[in-house]
Amino acid sequence: MRKLIVVLAIIFTILGVIFSILPMDTLAFLPIGLALVFTLLLLKKSEEEQKKLPKALLFICTICSVFVLGKTLFINDEVEVDQKFELQKIETKEEAKKELEEIEGLE
């Protein structure tokens, strides 16, 4: 049972680190939360000389959660209007209107 908890804690910690780095926003809290749960279970079931790994995993999970929380709170995603693209759209519409008028004038 302990081996299964160790494997799950390691897997979810790795997923938490990966999700923290990727732009997943608050979705990264899912593997981090599961990693915290399994790490705390592992910490509770471990003997005193076996608590090095759970403490390291707990530290990594805590750092990841602080990092994700910081990214969520302090980084604003803004969409900027591209003025050149907007001008190109207007010019394209005007050209299309002129072409239609020329076609209608030929008929």
PDB file of N, CA and C in Angstrom:
ATOM      1  N   MET A   1       0.830  -1.196   0.000  1.00  0.00           N
ATOM      2  CA  MET A   1       0.000   0.000   0.000  1.00  0.00           C
ATOM      3  C   MET A   1       0.872   1.257   0.000  1.00  0.00           C
ATOM      4  N   ARG A   2       1.964   1.221   0.745  1.00  0.00           N
ATOM      5  CA  ARG A   2       2.851   2.373   0.828  1.00  0.00           C
ATOM      6  C   ARG A   2       3.503   2.653  -0.523  1.00  0.00           C
ATOM      7  N   LYS A   3       3.858   1.593  -1.246  1.00  0.00           N
ATOM      8  CA  LYS A   3       4.503   1.766  -2.557  1.00  0.00           C
ATOM      9  C   LYS A   3       3.549   2.452  -3.541  1.00  0.00           C
ATOM     10  N   LEU A   4       2.281   2.079  -3.485  1.00  0.00           N
ATOM     11  CA  LEU A   4       1.289   2.700  -4.352  1.00  0.00           C
ATOM     12  C   LEU A   4       1.148   4.187  -4.040  1.00  0.00           C
ATOM     13  N   ILE A   5       1.127   4.526  -2.779  1.00  0.00           N
ATOM     14  CA  ILE A   5       1.013   5.927  -2.377  1.00  0.00           C
ATOM     15  C   ILE A   5       2.250   6.706  -2.813  1.00  0.00           C
ATOM     16  N   VAL A   6       3.425   6.082  -2.699  1.00  0.00           N
ATOM     17  CA  VAL A   6       4.666   6.736  -3.133  1.00  0.00           C
ATOM     18  C   VAL A   6       4.608   7.028  -4.626  1.00  0.00           C
ATOM     19  N   VAL A   7       4.207   6.026  -5.399  1.00  0.00           N
ATOM     20  CA  VAL A   7       4.135   6.195  -6.853  1.00  0.00           C
ATOM     21  C   VAL A   7       3.126   7.286  -7.222  1.00  0.00           C
ATOM     22  N   LEU A   8       1.961   7.249  -6.610  1.00  0.00           N
ATOM     23  CA  LEU A   8       0.937   8.260  -6.903  1.00  0.00           C
ATOM     24  C   LEU A   8       1.391   9.667  -6.491  1.00  0.00           C
ATOM     25  N   ALA A   9       2.041   9.765  -5.351  1.00  0.00           N
ATOM     26  CA  ALA A   9       2.531  11.072  -4.893  1.00  0.00           C
ATOM     27  C   ALA A   9       3.576  11.619  -5.860  1.00  0.00           C
ATOM     28  N   ILE A  10       4.470  10.771  -6.330  1.00  0.00           N
ATOM     29  CA  ILE A  10       5.508  11.214  -7.267  1.00  0.00           C
ATOM     30  C   ILE A  10       4.892  11.604  -8.606  1.00  0.00           C
ATOM     31  N   ILE A  11       3.976  10.779  -9.112  1.00  0.00           N
ATOM     32  CA  ILE A  11       3.345  11.072 -10.407  1.00  0.00           C
ATOM     33  C   ILE A  11       2.580  12.390 -10.357  1.00  0.00           C
ATOM     34  N   PHE A  12       1.774  12.579  -9.323  1.00  0.00           N
ATOM     35  CA  PHE A  12       0.991  13.806  -9.249  1.00  0.00           C
ATOM     36  C   PHE A  12       1.869  15.025  -8.964  1.00  0.00           C
ATOM     37  N   THR A  13       2.977  14.847  -8.284  1.00  0.00           N
ATOM     38  CA  THR A  13       3.905  15.960  -8.081  1.00  0.00           C
ATOM     39  C   THR A  13       4.536  16.372  -9.402  1.00  0.00           C
ATOM     40  N   ILE A  14       4.934  15.390 -10.196  1.00  0.00           N
ATOM     41  CA  ILE A  14       5.507  15.687 -11.517  1.00  0.00           C
ATOM     42  C   ILE A  14       4.467  16.373 -12.404  1.00  0.00           C
ATOM     43  N   LEU A  15       3.241  15.863 -12.390  1.00  0.00           N
ATOM     44  CA  LEU A  15       2.172  16.504 -13.166  1.00  0.00           C
ATOM     45  C   LEU A  15       1.908  17.927 -12.677  1.00  0.00           C
ATOM     46  N   GLY A  16       1.973  18.111 -11.375  1.00  0.00           N
ATOM     47  CA  GLY A  16       1.783  19.450 -10.812  1.00  0.00           C
ATOM     48  C   GLY A  16       2.852  20.422 -11.278  1.00  0.00           C
ATOM     49  N   VAL A  17       4.094  19.954 -11.332  1.00  0.00           N
ATOM     50  CA  VAL A  17       5.188  20.801 -11.813  1.00  0.00           C
ATOM     51  C   VAL A  17       4.976  21.140 -13.293  1.00  0.00           C
ATOM     52  N   ILE A  18       4.610  20.140 -14.086  1.00  0.00           N
ATOM     53  CA  ILE A  18       4.389  20.361 -15.521  1.00  0.00           C
ATOM     54  C   ILE A  18       3.225  21.323 -15.745  1.00  0.00           C
ATOM     55  N   PHE A  19       2.121  21.104 -15.038  1.00  0.00           N
ATOM     56  CA  PHE A  19       0.953  21.975 -15.193  1.00  0.00           C
ATOM     57  C   PHE A  19       1.252  23.393 -14.697  1.00  0.00           C
ATOM     58  N   SER A  20       2.145  23.528 -13.723  1.00  0.00           N
ATOM     59  CA  SER A  20       2.514  24.853 -13.224  1.00  0.00           C
ATOM     60  C   SER A  20       3.292  25.632 -14.266  1.00  0.00           C
ATOM     61  N   ILE A  21       4.148  24.935 -14.990  1.00  0.00           N
ATOM     62  CA  ILE A  21       4.972  25.594 -15.998  1.00  0.00           C
ATOM     63  C   ILE A  21       4.141  25.961 -17.218  1.00  0.00           C
ATOM     64  N   LEU A  22       3.262  25.059 -17.627  1.00  0.00           N
ATOM     65  CA  LEU A  22       2.417  25.318 -18.788  1.00  0.00           C
ATOM     66  C   LEU A  22       1.352  26.358 -18.440  1.00  0.00           C
ATOM     67  N   PRO A  23       0.825  27.038 -19.440  1.00  0.00           N
ATOM     68  CA  PRO A  23      -0.202  28.058 -19.148  1.00  0.00           C
ATOM     69  C   PRO A  23      -1.573  27.431 -18.899  1.00  0.00           C
ATOM     70  N   MET A  24      -1.713  26.682 -17.833  1.00  0.00           N
ATOM     71  CA  MET A  24      -2.961  26.004 -17.515  1.00  0.00           C
ATOM     72  C   MET A  24      -3.815  26.791 -16.532  1.00  0.00           C
ATOM     73  N   ASP A  25      -3.287  27.891 -16.023  1.00  0.00           N
ATOM     74  CA  ASP A  25      -3.972  28.738 -15.068  1.00  0.00           C
ATOM     75  C   ASP A  25      -4.339  27.939 -13.816  1.00  0.00           C
ATOM     76  N   THR A  26      -5.582  27.965 -13.366  1.00  0.00           N
ATOM     77  CA  THR A  26      -5.935  27.306 -12.111  1.00  0.00           C
ATOM     78  C   THR A  26      -6.163  25.806 -12.266  1.00  0.00           C
ATOM     79  N   LEU A  27      -6.140  25.305 -13.491  1.00  0.00           N
ATOM     80  CA  LEU A  27      -6.264  23.866 -13.707  1.00  0.00           C
ATOM     81  C   LEU A  27      -5.079  23.121 -13.090  1.00  0.00           C
ATOM     82  N   ALA A  28      -3.983  23.803 -12.894  1.00  0.00           N
ATOM     83  CA  ALA A  28      -2.793  23.195 -12.302  1.00  0.00           C
ATOM     84  C   ALA A  28      -3.014  22.816 -10.838  1.00  0.00           C
ATOM     85  N   PHE A  29      -4.023  23.418 -10.206  1.00  0.00           N
ATOM     86  CA  PHE A  29      -4.277  23.083  -8.799  1.00  0.00           C
ATOM     87  C   PHE A  29      -4.815  21.658  -8.618  1.00  0.00           C
ATOM     88  N   LEU A  30      -5.386  21.083  -9.666  1.00  0.00           N
ATOM     89  CA  LEU A  30      -5.906  19.721  -9.564  1.00  0.00           C
ATOM     90  C   LEU A  30      -4.803  18.695  -9.277  1.00  0.00           C
ATOM     91  N   PRO A  31      -3.761  18.589 -10.112  1.00  0.00           N
ATOM     92  CA  PRO A  31      -2.712  17.625  -9.772  1.00  0.00           C
ATOM     93  C   PRO A  31      -1.913  18.027  -8.534  1.00  0.00           C
ATOM     94  N   ILE A  32      -1.794  19.330  -8.291  1.00  0.00           N
ATOM     95  CA  ILE A  32      -1.072  19.770  -7.095  1.00  0.00           C
ATOM     96  C   ILE A  32      -1.839  19.359  -5.842  1.00  0.00           C
ATOM     97  N   GLY A  33      -3.154  19.522  -5.860  1.00  0.00           N
ATOM     98  CA  GLY A  33      -3.972  19.116  -4.713  1.00  0.00           C
ATOM     99  C   GLY A  33      -3.915  17.617  -4.472  1.00  0.00           C
ATOM    100  N   LEU A  34      -3.998  16.834  -5.553  1.00  0.00           N
ATOM    101  CA  LEU A  34      -3.887  15.381  -5.397  1.00  0.00           C
ATOM    102  C   LEU A  34      -2.505  14.981  -4.892  1.00  0.00           C
ATOM    103  N   ALA A  35      -1.479  15.668  -5.390  1.00  0.00           N
ATOM    104  CA  ALA A  35      -0.124  15.379  -4.910  1.00  0.00           C
ATOM    105  C   ALA A  35       0.004  15.710  -3.425  1.00  0.00           C
ATOM    106  N   LEU A  36      -0.604  16.805  -3.002  1.00  0.00           N
ATOM    107  CA  LEU A  36      -0.571  17.156  -1.573  1.00  0.00           C
ATOM    108  C   LEU A  36      -1.274  16.094  -0.723  1.00  0.00           C
ATOM    109  N   VAL A  37      -2.416  15.618  -1.204  1.00  0.00           N
ATOM    110  CA  VAL A  37      -3.152  14.595  -0.459  1.00  0.00           C
ATOM    111  C   VAL A  37      -2.319  13.317  -0.317  1.00  0.00           C
ATOM    112  N   PHE A  38      -1.778  12.840  -1.434  1.00  0.00           N
ATOM    113  CA  PHE A  38      -0.991  11.612  -1.384  1.00  0.00           C
ATOM    114  C   PHE A  38       0.313  11.798  -0.613  1.00  0.00           C
ATOM    115  N   THR A  39       0.898  12.973  -0.690  1.00  0.00           N
ATOM    116  CA  THR A  39       2.130  13.242   0.061  1.00  0.00           C
ATOM    117  C   THR A  39       1.851  13.279   1.559  1.00  0.00           C
ATOM    118  N   LEU A  40       0.738  13.885   1.948  1.00  0.00           N
ATOM    119  CA  LEU A  40       0.395  13.902   3.378  1.00  0.00           C
ATOM    120  C   LEU A  40       0.067  12.496   3.886  1.00  0.00           C
ATOM    121  N   LEU A  41      -0.614  11.701   3.046  1.00  0.00           N
ATOM    122  CA  LEU A  41      -0.854  10.300   3.424  1.00  0.00           C
ATOM    123  C   LEU A  41       0.457   9.552   3.589  1.00  0.00           C
ATOM    124  N   LEU A  42       1.380   9.783   2.659  1.00  0.00           N
ATOM    125  CA  LEU A  42       2.683   9.130   2.724  1.00  0.00           C
ATOM    126  C   LEU A  42       3.457   9.587   3.944  1.00  0.00           C
ATOM    127  N   LEU A  43       3.375  10.840   4.264  1.00  0.00           N
ATOM    128  CA  LEU A  43       4.056  11.374   5.441  1.00  0.00           C
ATOM    129  C   LEU A  43       3.501  10.748   6.719  1.00  0.00           C
ATOM    130  N   LYS A  44       2.195  10.535   6.756  1.00  0.00           N
ATOM    131  CA  LYS A  44       1.559   9.940   7.930  1.00  0.00           C
ATOM    132  C   LYS A  44       1.919   8.463   8.071  1.00  0.00           C
ATOM    133  N   LYS A  45       2.013   7.729   6.946  1.00  0.00           N
ATOM    134  CA  LYS A  45       2.277   6.293   7.003  1.00  0.00           C
ATOM    135  C   LYS A  45       3.758   5.949   7.087  1.00  0.00           C
ATOM    136  N   SER A  46       4.621   6.939   6.879  1.00  0.00           N
ATOM    137  CA  SER A  46       6.059   6.672   6.891  1.00  0.00           C
ATOM    138  C   SER A  46       6.607   6.681   8.309  1.00  0.00           C
ATOM    139  N   GLU A  47       7.669   5.899   8.459  1.00  0.00           N
ATOM    140  CA  GLU A  47       8.383   5.922   9.737  1.00  0.00           C
ATOM    141  C   GLU A  47       9.332   7.112   9.734  1.00  0.00           C
ATOM    142  N   GLU A  48       9.923   7.384  10.870  1.00  0.00           N
ATOM    143  CA  GLU A  48      10.727   8.590  11.038  1.00  0.00           C
ATOM    144  C   GLU A  48      11.898   8.664  10.052  1.00  0.00           C
ATOM    145  N   GLU A  49      12.566   7.556   9.782  1.00  0.00           N
ATOM    146  CA  GLU A  49      13.715   7.587   8.872  1.00  0.00           C
ATOM    147  C   GLU A  49      13.299   7.576   7.399  1.00  0.00           C
ATOM    148  N   GLN A  50      12.008   7.394   7.104  1.00  0.00           N
ATOM    149  CA  GLN A  50      11.513   7.364   5.730  1.00  0.00           C
ATOM    150  C   GLN A  50      10.802   8.664   5.331  1.00  0.00           C
ATOM    151  N   LYS A  51      10.923   9.702   6.113  1.00  0.00           N
ATOM    152  CA  LYS A  51      10.144  10.920   5.852  1.00  0.00           C
ATOM    153  C   LYS A  51      10.865  11.948   4.990  1.00  0.00           C
ATOM    154  N   LYS A  52      12.030  11.593   4.441  1.00  0.00           N
ATOM    155  CA  LYS A  52      12.755  12.537   3.601  1.00  0.00           C
ATOM    156  C   LYS A  52      12.025  12.806   2.282  1.00  0.00           C
ATOM    157  N   LEU A  53      11.610  11.740   1.606  1.00  0.00           N
ATOM    158  CA  LEU A  53      10.920  11.870   0.326  1.00  0.00           C
ATOM    159  C   LEU A  53       9.587  12.609   0.471  1.00  0.00           C
ATOM    160  N   PRO A  54       8.740  12.247   1.430  1.00  0.00           N
ATOM    161  CA  PRO A  54       7.479  12.993   1.567  1.00  0.00           C
ATOM    162  C   PRO A  54       7.675  14.480   1.851  1.00  0.00           C
ATOM    163  N   LYS A  55       8.690  14.804   2.638  1.00  0.00           N
ATOM    164  CA  LYS A  55       8.949  16.215   2.929  1.00  0.00           C
ATOM    165  C   LYS A  55       9.413  16.956   1.680  1.00  0.00           C
ATOM    166  N   ALA A  56      10.238  16.305   0.872  1.00  0.00           N
ATOM    167  CA  ALA A  56      10.705  16.925  -0.370  1.00  0.00           C
ATOM    168  C   ALA A  56       9.530  17.126  -1.329  1.00  0.00           C
ATOM    169  N   LEU A  57       8.670  16.109  -1.459  1.00  0.00           N
ATOM    170  CA  LEU A  57       7.504  16.223  -2.335  1.00  0.00           C
ATOM    171  C   LEU A  57       6.547  17.301  -1.836  1.00  0.00           C
ATOM    172  N   LEU A  58       6.389  17.392  -0.532  1.00  0.00           N
ATOM    173  CA  LEU A  58       5.528  18.420   0.051  1.00  0.00           C
ATOM    174  C   LEU A  58       6.073  19.818  -0.237  1.00  0.00           C
ATOM    175  N   PHE A  59       7.377  19.952  -0.153  1.00  0.00           N
ATOM    176  CA  PHE A  59       8.015  21.239  -0.457  1.00  0.00           C
ATOM    177  C   PHE A  59       7.807  21.614  -1.926  1.00  0.00           C
ATOM    178  N   ILE A  60       7.980  20.658  -2.832  1.00  0.00           N
ATOM    179  CA  ILE A  60       7.792  20.903  -4.259  1.00  0.00           C
ATOM    180  C   ILE A  60       6.346  21.294  -4.548  1.00  0.00           C
ATOM    181  N   CYS A  61       5.394  20.592  -3.935  1.00  0.00           N
ATOM    182  CA  CYS A  61       3.973  20.909  -4.132  1.00  0.00           C
ATOM    183  C   CYS A  61       3.637  22.311  -3.628  1.00  0.00           C
ATOM    184  N   THR A  62       4.209  22.675  -2.508  1.00  0.00           N
ATOM    185  CA  THR A  62       3.960  24.001  -1.953  1.00  0.00           C
ATOM    186  C   THR A  62       4.514  25.088  -2.865  1.00  0.00           C
ATOM    187  N   ILE A  63       5.721  24.883  -3.369  1.00  0.00           N
ATOM    188  CA  ILE A  63       6.327  25.852  -4.281  1.00  0.00           C
ATOM    189  C   ILE A  63       5.489  25.979  -5.557  1.00  0.00           C
ATOM    190  N   CYS A  64       5.030  24.860  -6.089  1.00  0.00           N
ATOM    191  CA  CYS A  64       4.202  24.878  -7.305  1.00  0.00           C
ATOM    192  C   CYS A  64       2.894  25.620  -7.071  1.00  0.00           C
ATOM    193  N   SER A  65       2.263  25.376  -5.930  1.00  0.00           N
ATOM    194  CA  SER A  65       0.986  26.042  -5.669  1.00  0.00           C
ATOM    195  C   SER A  65       1.176  27.546  -5.479  1.00  0.00           C
ATOM    196  N   VAL A  66       2.250  27.960  -4.836  1.00  0.00           N
ATOM    197  CA  VAL A  66       2.530  29.388  -4.685  1.00  0.00           C
ATOM    198  C   VAL A  66       2.812  30.017  -6.054  1.00  0.00           C
ATOM    199  N   PHE A  67       3.550  29.298  -6.892  1.00  0.00           N
ATOM    200  CA  PHE A  67       3.865  29.785  -8.232  1.00  0.00           C
ATOM    201  C   PHE A  67       2.596  29.960  -9.066  1.00  0.00           C
ATOM    202  N   VAL A  68       1.709  28.973  -9.041  1.00  0.00           N
ATOM    203  CA  VAL A  68       0.460  29.050  -9.813  1.00  0.00           C
ATOM    204  C   VAL A  68      -0.432  30.168  -9.271  1.00  0.00           C
ATOM    205  N   LEU A  69      -0.500  30.285  -7.972  1.00  0.00           N
ATOM    206  CA  LEU A  69      -1.303  31.352  -7.376  1.00  0.00           C
ATOM    207  C   LEU A  69      -0.752  32.723  -7.756  1.00  0.00           C
ATOM    208  N   GLY A  70       0.558  32.855  -7.749  1.00  0.00           N
ATOM    209  CA  GLY A  70       1.182  34.113  -8.159  1.00  0.00           C
ATOM    210  C   GLY A  70       0.914  34.438  -9.611  1.00  0.00           C
ATOM    211  N   LYS A  71       1.026  33.425 -10.479  1.00  0.00           N
ATOM    212  CA  LYS A  71       0.732  33.651 -11.896  1.00  0.00           C
ATOM    213  C   LYS A  71      -0.712  34.063 -12.090  1.00  0.00           C
ATOM    214  N   THR A  72      -1.613  33.444 -11.357  1.00  0.00           N
ATOM    215  CA  THR A  72      -3.034  33.733 -11.503  1.00  0.00           C
ATOM    216  C   THR A  72      -3.374  35.143 -11.019  1.00  0.00           C
ATOM    217  N   LEU A  73      -2.788  35.556  -9.917  1.00  0.00           N
ATOM    218  CA  LEU A  73      -3.134  36.851  -9.336  1.00  0.00           C
ATOM    219  C   LEU A  73      -2.418  38.031  -9.979  1.00  0.00           C
ATOM    220  N   PHE A  74      -1.165  37.854 -10.365  1.00  0.00           N
ATOM    221  CA  PHE A  74      -0.356  38.998 -10.760  1.00  0.00           C
ATOM    222  C   PHE A  74      -0.130  39.156 -12.258  1.00  0.00           C
ATOM    223  N   ILE A  75      -0.444  38.147 -13.050  1.00  0.00           N
ATOM    224  CA  ILE A  75      -0.244  38.260 -14.495  1.00  0.00           C
ATOM    225  C   ILE A  75      -1.607  38.414 -15.159  1.00  0.00           C
ATOM    226  N   ASN A  76      -1.781  39.525 -15.845  1.00  0.00           N
ATOM    227  CA  ASN A  76      -3.041  39.802 -16.533  1.00  0.00           C
ATOM    228  C   ASN A  76      -2.883  39.480 -18.014  1.00  0.00           C
ATOM    229  N   ASP A  77      -3.805  38.709 -18.546  1.00  0.00           N
ATOM    230  CA  ASP A  77      -3.826  38.422 -19.970  1.00  0.00           C
ATOM    231  C   ASP A  77      -4.682  39.475 -20.655  1.00  0.00           C
ATOM    232  N   GLU A  78      -4.058  40.232 -21.525  1.00  0.00           N
ATOM    233  CA  GLU A  78      -4.776  41.287 -22.222  1.00  0.00           C
ATOM    234  C   GLU A  78      -4.706  41.032 -23.718  1.00  0.00           C
ATOM    235  N   VAL A  79      -5.814  41.279 -24.374  1.00  0.00           N
ATOM    236  CA  VAL A  79      -5.862  41.171 -25.825  1.00  0.00           C
ATOM    237  C   VAL A  79      -5.706  42.579 -26.385  1.00  0.00           C
ATOM    238  N   GLU A  80      -4.715  42.751 -27.235  1.00  0.00           N
ATOM    239  CA  GLU A  80      -4.438  44.061 -27.802  1.00  0.00           C
ATOM    240  C   GLU A  80      -4.971  44.104 -29.228  1.00  0.00           C
ATOM    241  N   VAL A  81      -5.588  45.221 -29.585  1.00  0.00           N
ATOM    242  CA  VAL A  81      -6.147  45.391 -30.924  1.00  0.00           C
ATOM    243  C   VAL A  81      -4.997  45.716 -31.881  1.00  0.00           C
ATOM    244  N   ASP A  82      -4.940  44.965 -32.961  1.00  0.00           N
ATOM    245  CA  ASP A  82      -3.910  45.182 -33.968  1.00  0.00           C
ATOM    246  C   ASP A  82      -4.420  46.208 -34.972  1.00  0.00           C
ATOM    247  N   GLN A  83      -3.885  47.422 -34.910  1.00  0.00           N
ATOM    248  CA  GLN A  83      -4.365  48.511 -35.755  1.00  0.00           C
ATOM    249  C   GLN A  83      -4.079  48.255 -37.229  1.00  0.00           C
ATOM    250  N   LYS A  84      -2.926  47.682 -37.540  1.00  0.00           N
ATOM    251  CA  LYS A  84      -2.585  47.399 -38.937  1.00  0.00           C
ATOM    252  C   LYS A  84      -3.583  46.410 -39.541  1.00  0.00           C
ATOM    253  N   PHE A  85      -3.931  45.393 -38.777  1.00  0.00           N
ATOM    254  CA  PHE A  85      -4.872  44.398 -39.260  1.00  0.00           C
ATOM    255  C   PHE A  85      -6.245  45.015 -39.487  1.00  0.00           C
ATOM    256  N   GLU A  86      -6.664  45.878 -38.585  1.00  0.00           N
ATOM    257  CA  GLU A  86      -7.964  46.540 -38.723  1.00  0.00           C
ATOM    258  C   GLU A  86      -7.983  47.416 -39.984  1.00  0.00           C
ATOM    259  N   LEU A  87      -6.888  48.132 -40.250  1.00  0.00           N
ATOM    260  CA  LEU A  87      -6.813  48.960 -41.455  1.00  0.00           C
ATOM    261  C   LEU A  87      -6.844  48.091 -42.710  1.00  0.00           C
ATOM    262  N   GLN A  88      -6.158  46.958 -42.668  1.00  0.00           N
ATOM    263  CA  GLN A  88      -6.171  46.046 -43.813  1.00  0.00           C
ATOM    264  C   GLN A  88      -7.578  45.512 -44.068  1.00  0.00           C
ATOM    265  N   LYS A  89      -8.320  45.222 -43.003  1.00  0.00           N
ATOM    266  CA  LYS A  89      -9.694  44.751 -43.176  1.00  0.00           C
ATOM    267  C   LYS A  89     -10.555  45.810 -43.853  1.00  0.00           C
ATOM    268  N   ILE A  90     -10.424  47.053 -43.437  1.00  0.00           N
ATOM    269  CA  ILE A  90     -11.209  48.141 -44.025  1.00  0.00           C
ATOM    270  C   ILE A  90     -10.840  48.329 -45.497  1.00  0.00           C
ATOM    271  N   GLU A  91      -9.536  48.306 -45.778  1.00  0.00           N
ATOM    272  CA  GLU A  91      -9.096  48.463 -47.170  1.00  0.00           C
ATOM    273  C   GLU A  91      -9.598  47.313 -48.039  1.00  0.00           C
ATOM    274  N   THR A  92      -9.565  46.117 -47.514  1.00  0.00           N
ATOM    275  CA  THR A  92     -10.041  44.963 -48.267  1.00  0.00           C
ATOM    276  C   THR A  92     -11.528  45.081 -48.558  1.00  0.00           C
ATOM    277  N   LYS A  93     -12.301  45.547 -47.602  1.00  0.00           N
ATOM    278  CA  LYS A  93     -13.745  45.748 -47.823  1.00  0.00           C
ATOM    279  C   LYS A  93     -13.989  46.788 -48.908  1.00  0.00           C
ATOM    280  N   GLU A  94     -13.233  47.882 -48.849  1.00  0.00           N
ATOM    281  CA  GLU A  94     -13.400  48.939 -49.851  1.00  0.00           C
ATOM    282  C   GLU A  94     -13.040  48.430 -51.246  1.00  0.00           C
ATOM    283  N   GLU A  95     -11.944  47.659 -51.332  1.00  0.00           N
ATOM    284  CA  GLU A  95     -11.549  47.093 -52.625  1.00  0.00           C
ATOM    285  C   GLU A  95     -12.608  46.134 -53.144  1.00  0.00           C
ATOM    286  N   ALA A  96     -13.179  45.342 -52.248  1.00  0.00           N
ATOM    287  CA  ALA A  96     -14.219  44.397 -52.662  1.00  0.00           C
ATOM    288  C   ALA A  96     -15.455  45.146 -53.167  1.00  0.00           C
ATOM    289  N   LYS A  97     -15.809  46.254 -52.506  1.00  0.00           N
ATOM    290  CA  LYS A  97     -16.952  47.055 -52.961  1.00  0.00           C
ATOM    291  C   LYS A  97     -16.694  47.635 -54.348  1.00  0.00           C
ATOM    292  N   LYS A  98     -15.476  48.154 -54.571  1.00  0.00           N
ATOM    293  CA  LYS A  98     -15.128  48.718 -55.879  1.00  0.00           C
ATOM    294  C   LYS A  98     -15.199  47.656 -56.970  1.00  0.00           C
ATOM    295  N   GLU A  99     -14.691  46.463 -56.663  1.00  0.00           N
ATOM    296  CA  GLU A  99     -14.730  45.372 -57.636  1.00  0.00           C
ATOM    297  C   GLU A  99     -16.168  44.986 -57.962  1.00  0.00           C
ATOM    298  N   LEU A 100     -17.032  44.935 -56.953  1.00  0.00           N
ATOM    299  CA  LEU A 100     -18.439  44.619 -57.198  1.00  0.00           C
ATOM    300  C   LEU A 100     -19.114  45.695 -58.033  1.00  0.00           C
ATOM    301  N   GLU A 101     -18.802  46.965 -57.746  1.00  0.00           N
ATOM    302  CA  GLU A 101     -19.370  48.057 -58.531  1.00  0.00           C
ATOM    303  C   GLU A 101     -18.906  47.987 -59.979  1.00  0.00           C
ATOM    304  N   GLU A 102     -17.639  47.636 -60.200  1.00  0.00           N
ATOM    305  CA  GLU A 102     -17.123  47.485 -61.563  1.00  0.00           C
ATOM    306  C   GLU A 102     -17.810  46.343 -62.292  1.00  0.00           C
ATOM    307  N   ILE A 103     -18.022  45.249 -61.582  1.00  0.00           N
ATOM    308  CA  ILE A 103     -18.706  44.085 -62.179  1.00  0.00           C
ATOM    309  C   ILE A 103     -20.133  44.462 -62.516  1.00  0.00           C
ATOM    310  N   GLU A 104     -20.817  45.170 -61.623  1.00  0.00           N
ATOM    311  CA  GLU A 104     -22.197  45.587 -61.875  1.00  0.00           C
ATOM    312  C   GLU A 104     -22.247  46.594 -63.029  1.00  0.00           C
ATOM    313  N   GLY A 105     -21.213  47.432 -63.154  1.00  0.00           N
ATOM    314  CA  GLY A 105     -21.174  48.410 -64.223  1.00  0.00           C
ATOM    315  C   GLY A 105     -20.947  47.767 -65.572  1.00  0.00           C
ATOM    316  N   LEU A 106     -20.303  46.608 -65.620  1.00  0.00           N
ATOM    317  CA  LEU A 106     -20.057  45.907 -66.881  1.00  0.00           C
ATOM    318  C   LEU A 106     -21.312  45.242 -67.405  1.00  0.00           C
ATOM    319  N   GLU A 107     -22.201  44.913 -66.565  1.00  0.00           N
ATOM    320  CA  GLU A 107     -23.403  44.175 -66.993  1.00  0.00           C
ATOM    321  C   GLU A 107     -24.394  45.023 -67.649  1.00  0.00           C
TER     322      GLU A 107
END
